[in-house]
Amino acid sequence: MNRPLLYAGLFTFLISIAFALYGVSRGLMTFGWFIFPVLYGSGPFSALVALLIIASMFLIFISFIEDEGSSKVEYGGAILIGPLPIVFGSSGRAILLTLIILALFIVFLIIIFL
């Protein structure tokens, strides 16, 4: 894991949240709920917030790419189809257990808030 890139991505994400809160408070953007939080608006300020969010996701993703010298790669994912989580991964315990707990937590949050 490349820590400087991870920290840059997290910092960019925090800046985008601060800009989004500023935009919502000034009426430049609108906040709503569509199963998950949604920000929408028009104009250059909304475009800037969207680009910052995309850049932060890109930096965080790139920070997890390992060097070519490492030989062990583990992966995993969770797909939510309605209330049913489908979990897959390469590790028998660590990644799958984490993803199952995360998927059930997300389903729990969706059920509570809807």
PDB file of N, CA and C in Angstrom:
ATOM      1  N   MET A   1       0.856  -1.177   0.000  1.00  0.00           N
ATOM      2  CA  MET A   1       0.000   0.000   0.000  1.00  0.00           C
ATOM      3  C   MET A   1       0.898   1.236   0.000  1.00  0.00           C
ATOM      4  N   ASN A   2       0.553   2.179  -0.814  1.00  0.00           N
ATOM      5  CA  ASN A   2       1.290   3.432  -0.927  1.00  0.00           C
ATOM      6  C   ASN A   2       0.615   4.466  -0.020  1.00  0.00           C
ATOM      7  N   ARG A   3       1.173   4.666   1.156  1.00  0.00           N
ATOM      8  CA  ARG A   3       0.538   5.534   2.149  1.00  0.00           C
ATOM      9  C   ARG A   3       0.415   6.988   1.718  1.00  0.00           C
ATOM     10  N   PRO A   4       1.413   7.597   1.063  1.00  0.00           N
ATOM     11  CA  PRO A   4       1.227   8.999   0.654  1.00  0.00           C
ATOM     12  C   PRO A   4       0.036   9.188  -0.296  1.00  0.00           C
ATOM     13  N   LEU A   5      -0.158   8.251  -1.213  1.00  0.00           N
ATOM     14  CA  LEU A   5      -1.309   8.344  -2.110  1.00  0.00           C
ATOM     15  C   LEU A   5      -2.617   8.143  -1.365  1.00  0.00           C
ATOM     16  N   LEU A   6      -2.630   7.239  -0.400  1.00  0.00           N
ATOM     17  CA  LEU A   6      -3.827   7.018   0.407  1.00  0.00           C
ATOM     18  C   LEU A   6      -4.181   8.285   1.185  1.00  0.00           C
ATOM     19  N   TYR A   7      -3.176   8.906   1.811  1.00  0.00           N
ATOM     20  CA  TYR A   7      -3.429  10.128   2.564  1.00  0.00           C
ATOM     21  C   TYR A   7      -3.874  11.266   1.652  1.00  0.00           C
ATOM     22  N   ALA A   8      -3.301  11.336   0.458  1.00  0.00           N
ATOM     23  CA  ALA A   8      -3.725  12.372  -0.499  1.00  0.00           C
ATOM     24  C   ALA A   8      -5.165  12.145  -0.934  1.00  0.00           C
ATOM     25  N   GLY A   9      -5.544  10.883  -1.141  1.00  0.00           N
ATOM     26  CA  GLY A   9      -6.917  10.578  -1.517  1.00  0.00           C
ATOM     27  C   GLY A   9      -7.901  10.893  -0.403  1.00  0.00           C
ATOM     28  N   LEU A  10      -7.542  10.547   0.836  1.00  0.00           N
ATOM     29  CA  LEU A  10      -8.425  10.850   1.959  1.00  0.00           C
ATOM     30  C   LEU A  10      -8.545  12.365   2.177  1.00  0.00           C
ATOM     31  N   PHE A  11      -7.433  13.087   2.024  1.00  0.00           N
ATOM     32  CA  PHE A  11      -7.468  14.540   2.154  1.00  0.00           C
ATOM     33  C   PHE A  11      -8.339  15.160   1.062  1.00  0.00           C
ATOM     34  N   THR A  12      -8.209  14.665  -0.163  1.00  0.00           N
ATOM     35  CA  THR A  12      -9.035  15.168  -1.262  1.00  0.00           C
ATOM     36  C   THR A  12     -10.514  14.882  -1.007  1.00  0.00           C
ATOM     37  N   PHE A  13     -10.815  13.717  -0.449  1.00  0.00           N
ATOM     38  CA  PHE A  13     -12.203  13.381  -0.134  1.00  0.00           C
ATOM     39  C   PHE A  13     -12.763  14.310   0.942  1.00  0.00           C
ATOM     40  N   LEU A  14     -11.971  14.588   1.974  1.00  0.00           N
ATOM     41  CA  LEU A  14     -12.419  15.505   3.020  1.00  0.00           C
ATOM     42  C   LEU A  14     -12.638  16.916   2.474  1.00  0.00           C
ATOM     43  N   ILE A  15     -11.768  17.360   1.568  1.00  0.00           N
ATOM     44  CA  ILE A  15     -11.934  18.673   0.936  1.00  0.00           C
ATOM     45  C   ILE A  15     -13.211  18.688   0.102  1.00  0.00           C
ATOM     46  N   SER A  16     -13.490  17.595  -0.616  1.00  0.00           N
ATOM     47  CA  SER A  16     -14.708  17.558  -1.431  1.00  0.00           C
ATOM     48  C   SER A  16     -15.952  17.582  -0.548  1.00  0.00           C
ATOM     49  N   ILE A  17     -15.903  16.917   0.613  1.00  0.00           N
ATOM     50  CA  ILE A  17     -17.039  16.979   1.536  1.00  0.00           C
ATOM     51  C   ILE A  17     -17.228  18.400   2.050  1.00  0.00           C
ATOM     52  N   ALA A  18     -16.121  19.068   2.400  1.00  0.00           N
ATOM     53  CA  ALA A  18     -16.217  20.450   2.878  1.00  0.00           C
ATOM     54  C   ALA A  18     -16.800  21.363   1.793  1.00  0.00           C
ATOM     55  N   PHE A  19     -16.343  21.202   0.543  1.00  0.00           N
ATOM     56  CA  PHE A  19     -16.887  22.002  -0.553  1.00  0.00           C
ATOM     57  C   PHE A  19     -18.371  21.693  -0.769  1.00  0.00           C
ATOM     58  N   ALA A  20     -18.746  20.405  -0.666  1.00  0.00           N
ATOM     59  CA  ALA A  20     -20.147  20.029  -0.856  1.00  0.00           C
ATOM     60  C   ALA A  20     -21.023  20.641   0.234  1.00  0.00           C
ATOM     61  N   LEU A  21     -20.560  20.610   1.473  1.00  0.00           N
ATOM     62  CA  LEU A  21     -21.321  21.234   2.559  1.00  0.00           C
ATOM     63  C   LEU A  21     -21.453  22.734   2.348  1.00  0.00           C
ATOM     64  N   TYR A  22     -20.384  23.373   1.888  1.00  0.00           N
ATOM     65  CA  TYR A  22     -20.440  24.797   1.585  1.00  0.00           C
ATOM     66  C   TYR A  22     -21.437  25.065   0.460  1.00  0.00           C
ATOM     67  N   GLY A  23     -21.385  24.243  -0.591  1.00  0.00           N
ATOM     68  CA  GLY A  23     -22.292  24.422  -1.719  1.00  0.00           C
ATOM     69  C   GLY A  23     -23.750  24.235  -1.335  1.00  0.00           C
ATOM     70  N   VAL A  24     -24.028  23.260  -0.475  1.00  0.00           N
ATOM     71  CA  VAL A  24     -25.405  23.030  -0.027  1.00  0.00           C
ATOM     72  C   VAL A  24     -25.862  24.184   0.850  1.00  0.00           C
ATOM     73  N   SER A  25     -24.982  24.677   1.724  1.00  0.00           N
ATOM     74  CA  SER A  25     -25.375  25.770   2.622  1.00  0.00           C
ATOM     75  C   SER A  25     -25.610  27.080   1.873  1.00  0.00           C
ATOM     76  N   ARG A  26     -24.914  27.284   0.762  1.00  0.00           N
ATOM     77  CA  ARG A  26     -25.078  28.509  -0.043  1.00  0.00           C
ATOM     78  C   ARG A  26     -26.095  28.377  -1.160  1.00  0.00           C
ATOM     79  N   GLY A  27     -26.682  27.198  -1.330  1.00  0.00           N
ATOM     80  CA  GLY A  27     -27.691  27.001  -2.369  1.00  0.00           C
ATOM     81  C   GLY A  27     -27.117  26.714  -3.745  1.00  0.00           C
ATOM     82  N   LEU A  28     -25.823  26.428  -3.824  1.00  0.00           N
ATOM     83  CA  LEU A  28     -25.202  26.114  -5.112  1.00  0.00           C
ATOM     84  C   LEU A  28     -25.444  24.666  -5.525  1.00  0.00           C
ATOM     85  N   MET A  29     -25.726  23.825  -4.539  1.00  0.00           N
ATOM     86  CA  MET A  29     -25.973  22.410  -4.775  1.00  0.00           C
ATOM     87  C   MET A  29     -27.167  21.991  -3.923  1.00  0.00           C
ATOM     88  N   THR A  30     -27.734  20.833  -4.245  1.00  0.00           N
ATOM     89  CA  THR A  30     -28.860  20.307  -3.493  1.00  0.00           C
ATOM     90  C   THR A  30     -28.507  18.913  -3.007  1.00  0.00           C
ATOM     91  N   PHE A  31     -28.921  18.601  -1.785  1.00  0.00           N
ATOM     92  CA  PHE A  31     -28.678  17.305  -1.188  1.00  0.00           C
ATOM     93  C   PHE A  31     -29.997  16.544  -1.127  1.00  0.00           C
ATOM     94  N   GLY A  32     -29.958  15.257  -1.441  1.00  0.00           N
ATOM     95  CA  GLY A  32     -31.164  14.440  -1.380  1.00  0.00           C
ATOM     96  C   GLY A  32     -30.815  12.998  -1.090  1.00  0.00           C
ATOM     97  N   TRP A  33     -31.840  12.181  -0.916  1.00  0.00           N
ATOM     98  CA  TRP A  33     -31.666  10.754  -0.665  1.00  0.00           C
ATOM     99  C   TRP A  33     -32.327   9.962  -1.782  1.00  0.00           C
ATOM    100  N   PHE A  34     -31.577   9.053  -2.376  1.00  0.00           N
ATOM    101  CA  PHE A  34     -32.096   8.081  -3.327  1.00  0.00           C
ATOM    102  C   PHE A  34     -31.407   6.764  -2.995  1.00  0.00           C
ATOM    103  N   ILE A  35     -31.850   6.111  -1.947  1.00  0.00           N
ATOM    104  CA  ILE A  35     -31.261   4.919  -1.354  1.00  0.00           C
ATOM    105  C   ILE A  35     -29.914   5.261  -0.689  1.00  0.00           C
ATOM    106  N   PHE A  36     -29.153   6.137  -1.275  1.00  0.00           N
ATOM    107  CA  PHE A  36     -27.905   6.628  -0.700  1.00  0.00           C
ATOM    108  C   PHE A  36     -27.869   8.138  -0.905  1.00  0.00           C
ATOM    109  N   PRO A  37     -27.000   8.848  -0.203  1.00  0.00           N
ATOM    110  CA  PRO A  37     -26.969  10.312  -0.342  1.00  0.00           C
ATOM    111  C   PRO A  37     -26.591  10.747  -1.757  1.00  0.00           C
ATOM    112  N   VAL A  38     -27.267  11.773  -2.248  1.00  0.00           N
ATOM    113  CA  VAL A  38     -27.045  12.271  -3.601  1.00  0.00           C
ATOM    114  C   VAL A  38     -26.860  13.781  -3.541  1.00  0.00           C
ATOM    115  N   LEU A  39     -25.837  14.265  -4.215  1.00  0.00           N
ATOM    116  CA  LEU A  39     -25.624  15.695  -4.402  1.00  0.00           C
ATOM    117  C   LEU A  39     -25.865  16.006  -5.867  1.00  0.00           C
ATOM    118  N   TYR A  40     -26.609  17.059  -6.131  1.00  0.00           N
ATOM    119  CA  TYR A  40     -26.796  17.439  -7.520  1.00  0.00           C
ATOM    120  C   TYR A  40     -26.869  18.953  -7.625  1.00  0.00           C
ATOM    121  N   GLY A  41     -26.494  19.409  -8.777  1.00  0.00           N
ATOM    122  CA  GLY A  41     -26.483  20.839  -9.034  1.00  0.00           C
ATOM    123  C   GLY A  41     -25.967  21.089 -10.432  1.00  0.00           C
ATOM    124  N   SER A  42     -25.899  22.358 -10.787  1.00  0.00           N
ATOM    125  CA  SER A  42     -25.368  22.717 -12.095  1.00  0.00           C
ATOM    126  C   SER A  42     -24.398  23.868 -11.894  1.00  0.00           C
ATOM    127  N   GLY A  43     -23.499  23.993 -12.804  1.00  0.00           N
ATOM    128  CA  GLY A  43     -22.535  25.066 -12.706  1.00  0.00           C
ATOM    129  C   GLY A  43     -21.143  24.560 -12.386  1.00  0.00           C
ATOM    130  N   PRO A  44     -20.186  25.469 -12.408  1.00  0.00           N
ATOM    131  CA  PRO A  44     -18.791  25.071 -12.210  1.00  0.00           C
ATOM    132  C   PRO A  44     -18.494  24.564 -10.798  1.00  0.00           C
ATOM    133  N   PHE A  45     -19.194  25.083  -9.792  1.00  0.00           N
ATOM    134  CA  PHE A  45     -18.928  24.620  -8.428  1.00  0.00           C
ATOM    135  C   PHE A  45     -19.313  23.160  -8.260  1.00  0.00           C
ATOM    136  N   SER A  46     -20.443  22.762  -8.808  1.00  0.00           N
ATOM    137  CA  SER A  46     -20.867  21.360  -8.743  1.00  0.00           C
ATOM    138  C   SER A  46     -19.906  20.465  -9.516  1.00  0.00           C
ATOM    139  N   ALA A  47     -19.426  20.943 -10.631  1.00  0.00           N
ATOM    140  CA  ALA A  47     -18.458  20.174 -11.414  1.00  0.00           C
ATOM    141  C   ALA A  47     -17.154  19.998 -10.634  1.00  0.00           C
ATOM    142  N   LEU A  48     -16.729  21.044  -9.927  1.00  0.00           N
ATOM    143  CA  LEU A  48     -15.514  20.961  -9.119  1.00  0.00           C
ATOM    144  C   LEU A  48     -15.665  19.915  -8.015  1.00  0.00           C
ATOM    145  N   VAL A  49     -16.797  19.912  -7.337  1.00  0.00           N
ATOM    146  CA  VAL A  49     -17.035  18.921  -6.268  1.00  0.00           C
ATOM    147  C   VAL A  49     -17.044  17.513  -6.862  1.00  0.00           C
ATOM    148  N   ALA A  50     -17.690  17.323  -7.995  1.00  0.00           N
ATOM    149  CA  ALA A  50     -17.739  16.001  -8.629  1.00  0.00           C
ATOM    150  C   ALA A  50     -16.335  15.547  -9.030  1.00  0.00           C
ATOM    151  N   LEU A  51     -15.536  16.439  -9.594  1.00  0.00           N
ATOM    152  CA  LEU A  51     -14.166  16.082  -9.982  1.00  0.00           C
ATOM    153  C   LEU A  51     -13.308  15.753  -8.768  1.00  0.00           C
ATOM    154  N   LEU A  52     -13.491  16.478  -7.663  1.00  0.00           N
ATOM    155  CA  LEU A  52     -12.732  16.175  -6.453  1.00  0.00           C
ATOM    156  C   LEU A  52     -13.105  14.809  -5.888  1.00  0.00           C
ATOM    157  N   ILE A  53     -14.381  14.465  -5.923  1.00  0.00           N
ATOM    158  CA  ILE A  53     -14.802  13.149  -5.431  1.00  0.00           C
ATOM    159  C   ILE A  53     -14.230  12.041  -6.313  1.00  0.00           C
ATOM    160  N   ILE A  54     -14.278  12.219  -7.622  1.00  0.00           N
ATOM    161  CA  ILE A  54     -13.723  11.218  -8.542  1.00  0.00           C
ATOM    162  C   ILE A  54     -12.218  11.103  -8.360  1.00  0.00           C
ATOM    163  N   ALA A  55     -11.525  12.234  -8.205  1.00  0.00           N
ATOM    164  CA  ALA A  55     -10.076  12.205  -7.995  1.00  0.00           C
ATOM    165  C   ALA A  55      -9.715  11.508  -6.692  1.00  0.00           C
ATOM    166  N   SER A  56     -10.507  11.735  -5.641  1.00  0.00           N
ATOM    167  CA  SER A  56     -10.209  11.079  -4.366  1.00  0.00           C
ATOM    168  C   SER A  56     -10.390   9.572  -4.476  1.00  0.00           C
ATOM    169  N   MET A  57     -11.453   9.119  -5.156  1.00  0.00           N
ATOM    170  CA  MET A  57     -11.644   7.680  -5.334  1.00  0.00           C
ATOM    171  C   MET A  57     -10.500   7.069  -6.142  1.00  0.00           C
ATOM    172  N   PHE A  58     -10.057   7.775  -7.165  1.00  0.00           N
ATOM    173  CA  PHE A  58      -8.961   7.292  -7.996  1.00  0.00           C
ATOM    174  C   PHE A  58      -7.675   7.177  -7.181  1.00  0.00           C
ATOM    175  N   LEU A  59      -7.368   8.200  -6.378  1.00  0.00           N
ATOM    176  CA  LEU A  59      -6.147   8.169  -5.569  1.00  0.00           C
ATOM    177  C   LEU A  59      -6.192   7.056  -4.534  1.00  0.00           C
ATOM    178  N   ILE A  60      -7.331   6.861  -3.903  1.00  0.00           N
ATOM    179  CA  ILE A  60      -7.451   5.796  -2.906  1.00  0.00           C
ATOM    180  C   ILE A  60      -7.316   4.434  -3.573  1.00  0.00           C
ATOM    181  N   PHE A  61      -7.920   4.255  -4.739  1.00  0.00           N
ATOM    182  CA  PHE A  61      -7.809   2.985  -5.466  1.00  0.00           C
ATOM    183  C   PHE A  61      -6.368   2.710  -5.870  1.00  0.00           C
ATOM    184  N   ILE A  62      -5.695   3.716  -6.411  1.00  0.00           N
ATOM    185  CA  ILE A  62      -4.311   3.546  -6.861  1.00  0.00           C
ATOM    186  C   ILE A  62      -3.387   3.242  -5.683  1.00  0.00           C
ATOM    187  N   SER A  63      -3.705   3.765  -4.502  1.00  0.00           N
ATOM    188  CA  SER A  63      -2.826   3.544  -3.348  1.00  0.00           C
ATOM    189  C   SER A  63      -2.799   2.084  -2.911  1.00  0.00           C
ATOM    190  N   PHE A  64      -3.823   1.305  -3.256  1.00  0.00           N
ATOM    191  CA  PHE A  64      -3.867  -0.090  -2.849  1.00  0.00           C
ATOM    192  C   PHE A  64      -3.212  -1.037  -3.843  1.00  0.00           C
ATOM    193  N   ILE A  65      -2.768  -0.537  -4.971  1.00  0.00           N
ATOM    194  CA  ILE A  65      -2.079  -1.385  -5.944  1.00  0.00           C
ATOM    195  C   ILE A  65      -0.674  -1.657  -5.425  1.00  0.00           C
ATOM    196  N   GLU A  66      -0.332  -2.909  -5.320  1.00  0.00           N
ATOM    197  CA  GLU A  66       0.952  -3.322  -4.773  1.00  0.00           C
ATOM    198  C   GLU A  66       2.049  -3.230  -5.831  1.00  0.00           C
ATOM    199  N   ASP A  67       3.275  -3.232  -5.360  1.00  0.00           N
ATOM    200  CA  ASP A  67       4.424  -3.238  -6.266  1.00  0.00           C
ATOM    201  C   ASP A  67       4.500  -4.582  -6.977  1.00  0.00           C
ATOM    202  N   GLU A  68       5.304  -4.615  -8.035  1.00  0.00           N
ATOM    203  CA  GLU A  68       5.436  -5.845  -8.812  1.00  0.00           C
ATOM    204  C   GLU A  68       6.152  -6.939  -8.034  1.00  0.00           C
ATOM    205  N   GLY A  69       6.894  -6.590  -6.998  1.00  0.00           N
ATOM    206  CA  GLY A  69       7.646  -7.568  -6.225  1.00  0.00           C
ATOM    207  C   GLY A  69       6.779  -8.444  -5.342  1.00  0.00           C
ATOM    208  N   SER A  70       5.594  -8.013  -5.018  1.00  0.00           N
ATOM    209  CA  SER A  70       4.742  -8.823  -4.151  1.00  0.00           C
ATOM    210  C   SER A  70       4.070  -9.926  -4.965  1.00  0.00           C
ATOM    211  N   SER A  71       4.014 -11.118  -4.381  1.00  0.00           N
ATOM    212  CA  SER A  71       3.489 -12.250  -5.139  1.00  0.00           C
ATOM    213  C   SER A  71       2.079 -12.650  -4.712  1.00  0.00           C
ATOM    214  N   LYS A  72       1.662 -12.310  -3.483  1.00  0.00           N
ATOM    215  CA  LYS A  72       0.353 -12.733  -3.007  1.00  0.00           C
ATOM    216  C   LYS A  72      -0.665 -11.619  -3.217  1.00  0.00           C
ATOM    217  N   VAL A  73      -1.719 -11.937  -3.946  1.00  0.00           N
ATOM    218  CA  VAL A  73      -2.779 -10.977  -4.214  1.00  0.00           C
ATOM    219  C   VAL A  73      -4.083 -11.575  -3.715  1.00  0.00           C
ATOM    220  N   GLU A  74      -4.806 -10.817  -2.910  1.00  0.00           N
ATOM    221  CA  GLU A  74      -6.116 -11.246  -2.450  1.00  0.00           C
ATOM    222  C   GLU A  74      -7.148 -10.248  -2.933  1.00  0.00           C
ATOM    223  N   TYR A  75      -8.328 -10.741  -3.227  1.00  0.00           N
ATOM    224  CA  TYR A  75      -9.382  -9.870  -3.716  1.00  0.00           C
ATOM    225  C   TYR A  75     -10.700 -10.309  -3.111  1.00  0.00           C
ATOM    226  N   GLY A  76     -11.673  -9.424  -3.201  1.00  0.00           N
ATOM    227  CA  GLY A  76     -13.000  -9.749  -2.714  1.00  0.00           C
ATOM    228  C   GLY A  76     -13.989  -8.695  -3.145  1.00  0.00           C
ATOM    229  N   GLY A  77     -15.248  -9.020  -3.069  1.00  0.00           N
ATOM    230  CA  GLY A  77     -16.286  -8.074  -3.449  1.00  0.00           C
ATOM    231  C   GLY A  77     -17.629  -8.490  -2.893  1.00  0.00           C
ATOM    232  N   ALA A  78     -18.522  -7.533  -2.822  1.00  0.00           N
ATOM    233  CA  ALA A  78     -19.880  -7.787  -2.352  1.00  0.00           C
ATOM    234  C   ALA A  78     -20.843  -7.092  -3.297  1.00  0.00           C
ATOM    235  N   ILE A  79     -21.859  -7.815  -3.725  1.00  0.00           N
ATOM    236  CA  ILE A  79     -22.893  -7.269  -4.600  1.00  0.00           C
ATOM    237  C   ILE A  79     -24.211  -7.377  -3.853  1.00  0.00           C
ATOM    238  N   LEU A  80     -24.918  -6.260  -3.746  1.00  0.00           N
ATOM    239  CA  LEU A  80     -26.215  -6.265  -3.078  1.00  0.00           C
ATOM    240  C   LEU A  80     -27.312  -6.254  -4.129  1.00  0.00           C
ATOM    241  N   ILE A  81     -28.091  -7.320  -4.186  1.00  0.00           N
ATOM    242  CA  ILE A  81     -29.254  -7.391  -5.061  1.00  0.00           C
ATOM    243  C   ILE A  81     -30.465  -7.398  -4.146  1.00  0.00           C
ATOM    244  N   GLY A  82     -31.070  -6.228  -4.010  1.00  0.00           N
ATOM    245  CA  GLY A  82     -32.146  -6.084  -3.037  1.00  0.00           C
ATOM    246  C   GLY A  82     -31.561  -6.269  -1.646  1.00  0.00           C
ATOM    247  N   PRO A  83     -32.190  -7.056  -0.827  1.00  0.00           N
ATOM    248  CA  PRO A  83     -31.646  -7.290   0.515  1.00  0.00           C
ATOM    249  C   PRO A  83     -30.673  -8.463   0.588  1.00  0.00           C
ATOM    250  N   LEU A  84     -30.372  -9.094  -0.545  1.00  0.00           N
ATOM    251  CA  LEU A  84     -29.522 -10.280  -0.550  1.00  0.00           C
ATOM    252  C   LEU A  84     -28.083  -9.931  -0.925  1.00  0.00           C
ATOM    253  N   PRO A  85     -27.134 -10.112  -0.005  1.00  0.00           N
ATOM    254  CA  PRO A  85     -25.735  -9.871  -0.358  1.00  0.00           C
ATOM    255  C   PRO A  85     -25.114 -11.107  -1.015  1.00  0.00           C
ATOM    256  N   ILE A  86     -24.375 -10.890  -2.084  1.00  0.00           N
ATOM    257  CA  ILE A  86     -23.604 -11.942  -2.725  1.00  0.00           C
ATOM    258  C   ILE A  86     -22.141 -11.562  -2.524  1.00  0.00           C
ATOM    259  N   VAL A  87     -21.394 -12.424  -1.829  1.00  0.00           N
ATOM    260  CA  VAL A  87     -20.026 -12.119  -1.435  1.00  0.00           C
ATOM    261  C   VAL A  87     -19.088 -13.104  -2.105  1.00  0.00           C
ATOM    262  N   PHE A  88     -17.957 -12.611  -2.630  1.00  0.00           N
ATOM    263  CA  PHE A  88     -16.964 -13.480  -3.234  1.00  0.00           C
ATOM    264  C   PHE A  88     -15.576 -12.954  -2.886  1.00  0.00           C
ATOM    265  N   GLY A  89     -14.587 -13.831  -2.952  1.00  0.00           N
ATOM    266  CA  GLY A  89     -13.225 -13.419  -2.666  1.00  0.00           C
ATOM    267  C   GLY A  89     -12.250 -14.567  -2.777  1.00  0.00           C
ATOM    268  N   SER A  90     -10.975 -14.239  -2.720  1.00  0.00           N
ATOM    269  CA  SER A  90      -9.931 -15.236  -2.860  1.00  0.00           C
ATOM    270  C   SER A  90      -9.521 -15.843  -1.525  1.00  0.00           C
ATOM    271  N   SER A  91      -9.741 -15.131  -0.439  1.00  0.00           N
ATOM    272  CA  SER A  91      -9.352 -15.608   0.879  1.00  0.00           C
ATOM    273  C   SER A  91     -10.532 -16.305   1.539  1.00  0.00           C
ATOM    274  N   GLY A  92     -10.270 -17.423   2.164  1.00  0.00           N
ATOM    275  CA  GLY A  92     -11.335 -18.178   2.802  1.00  0.00           C
ATOM    276  C   GLY A  92     -11.887 -17.524   4.048  1.00  0.00           C
ATOM    277  N   ARG A  93     -11.106 -16.764   4.751  1.00  0.00           N
ATOM    278  CA  ARG A  93     -11.552 -16.241   6.038  1.00  0.00           C
ATOM    279  C   ARG A  93     -11.587 -14.724   6.087  1.00  0.00           C
ATOM    280  N   ALA A  94     -10.438 -14.094   5.966  1.00  0.00           N
ATOM    281  CA  ALA A  94     -10.321 -12.674   6.296  1.00  0.00           C
ATOM    282  C   ALA A  94     -11.194 -11.786   5.415  1.00  0.00           C
ATOM    283  N   ILE A  95     -11.019 -11.861   4.121  1.00  0.00           N
ATOM    284  CA  ILE A  95     -11.754 -10.965   3.224  1.00  0.00           C
ATOM    285  C   ILE A  95     -13.237 -11.331   3.194  1.00  0.00           C
ATOM    286  N   LEU A  96     -13.547 -12.604   3.094  1.00  0.00           N
ATOM    287  CA  LEU A  96     -14.952 -13.003   3.000  1.00  0.00           C
ATOM    288  C   LEU A  96     -15.728 -12.667   4.266  1.00  0.00           C
ATOM    289  N   LEU A  97     -15.145 -12.896   5.419  1.00  0.00           N
ATOM    290  CA  LEU A  97     -15.829 -12.574   6.665  1.00  0.00           C
ATOM    291  C   LEU A  97     -16.066 -11.072   6.787  1.00  0.00           C
ATOM    292  N   THR A  98     -15.072 -10.287   6.423  1.00  0.00           N
ATOM    293  CA  THR A  98     -15.214  -8.832   6.454  1.00  0.00           C
ATOM    294  C   THR A  98     -16.303  -8.365   5.502  1.00  0.00           C
ATOM    295  N   LEU A  99     -16.332  -8.917   4.303  1.00  0.00           N
ATOM    296  CA  LEU A  99     -17.335  -8.513   3.322  1.00  0.00           C
ATOM    297  C   LEU A  99     -18.738  -8.958   3.720  1.00  0.00           C
ATOM    298  N   ILE A 100     -18.867 -10.118   4.328  1.00  0.00           N
ATOM    299  CA  ILE A 100     -20.189 -10.560   4.787  1.00  0.00           C
ATOM    300  C   ILE A 100     -20.710  -9.618   5.862  1.00  0.00           C
ATOM    301  N   ILE A 101     -19.848  -9.262   6.811  1.00  0.00           N
ATOM    302  CA  ILE A 101     -20.261  -8.341   7.873  1.00  0.00           C
ATOM    303  C   ILE A 101     -20.615  -6.984   7.291  1.00  0.00           C
ATOM    304  N   LEU A 102     -19.804  -6.486   6.360  1.00  0.00           N
ATOM    305  CA  LEU A 102     -20.074  -5.191   5.729  1.00  0.00           C
ATOM    306  C   LEU A 102     -21.381  -5.219   4.940  1.00  0.00           C
ATOM    307  N   ALA A 103     -21.612  -6.284   4.180  1.00  0.00           N
ATOM    308  CA  ALA A 103     -22.842  -6.372   3.391  1.00  0.00           C
ATOM    309  C   ALA A 103     -24.071  -6.445   4.286  1.00  0.00           C
ATOM    310  N   LEU A 104     -23.997  -7.209   5.354  1.00  0.00           N
ATOM    311  CA  LEU A 104     -25.135  -7.284   6.272  1.00  0.00           C
ATOM    312  C   LEU A 104     -25.375  -5.951   6.974  1.00  0.00           C
ATOM    313  N   PHE A 105     -24.310  -5.241   7.297  1.00  0.00           N
ATOM    314  CA  PHE A 105     -24.450  -3.917   7.907  1.00  0.00           C
ATOM    315  C   PHE A 105     -25.123  -2.943   6.948  1.00  0.00           C
ATOM    316  N   ILE A 106     -24.737  -2.975   5.676  1.00  0.00           N
ATOM    317  CA  ILE A 106     -25.346  -2.082   4.683  1.00  0.00           C
ATOM    318  C   ILE A 106     -26.821  -2.431   4.492  1.00  0.00           C
ATOM    319  N   VAL A 107     -27.157  -3.712   4.430  1.00  0.00           N
ATOM    320  CA  VAL A 107     -28.560  -4.123   4.315  1.00  0.00           C
ATOM    321  C   VAL A 107     -29.341  -3.654   5.541  1.00  0.00           C
ATOM    322  N   PHE A 108     -28.745  -3.778   6.714  1.00  0.00           N
ATOM    323  CA  PHE A 108     -29.374  -3.317   7.945  1.00  0.00           C
ATOM    324  C   PHE A 108     -29.648  -1.817   7.887  1.00  0.00           C
ATOM    325  N   LEU A 109     -28.672  -1.033   7.413  1.00  0.00           N
ATOM    326  CA  LEU A 109     -28.870   0.414   7.300  1.00  0.00           C
ATOM    327  C   LEU A 109     -29.966   0.762   6.295  1.00  0.00           C
ATOM    328  N   ILE A 110     -29.995   0.035   5.186  1.00  0.00           N
ATOM    329  CA  ILE A 110     -31.027   0.309   4.182  1.00  0.00           C
ATOM    330  C   ILE A 110     -32.418   0.015   4.749  1.00  0.00           C
ATOM    331  N   ILE A 111     -32.542  -1.080   5.471  1.00  0.00           N
ATOM    332  CA  ILE A 111     -33.839  -1.436   6.045  1.00  0.00           C
ATOM    333  C   ILE A 111     -34.269  -0.408   7.087  1.00  0.00           C
ATOM    334  N   ILE A 112     -33.340   0.067   7.894  1.00  0.00           N
ATOM    335  CA  ILE A 112     -33.690   1.045   8.936  1.00  0.00           C
ATOM    336  C   ILE A 112     -34.113   2.386   8.331  1.00  0.00           C
ATOM    337  N   PHE A 113     -33.376   2.862   7.336  1.00  0.00           N
ATOM    338  CA  PHE A 113     -33.612   4.202   6.815  1.00  0.00           C
ATOM    339  C   PHE A 113     -34.652   4.276   5.703  1.00  0.00           C
ATOM    340  N   LEU A 114     -35.170   3.168   5.254  1.00  0.00           N
ATOM    341  CA  LEU A 114     -36.205   3.223   4.219  1.00  0.00           C
ATOM    342  C   LEU A 114     -37.530   2.963   4.781  1.00  0.00           C
TER     343      LEU A 114
END
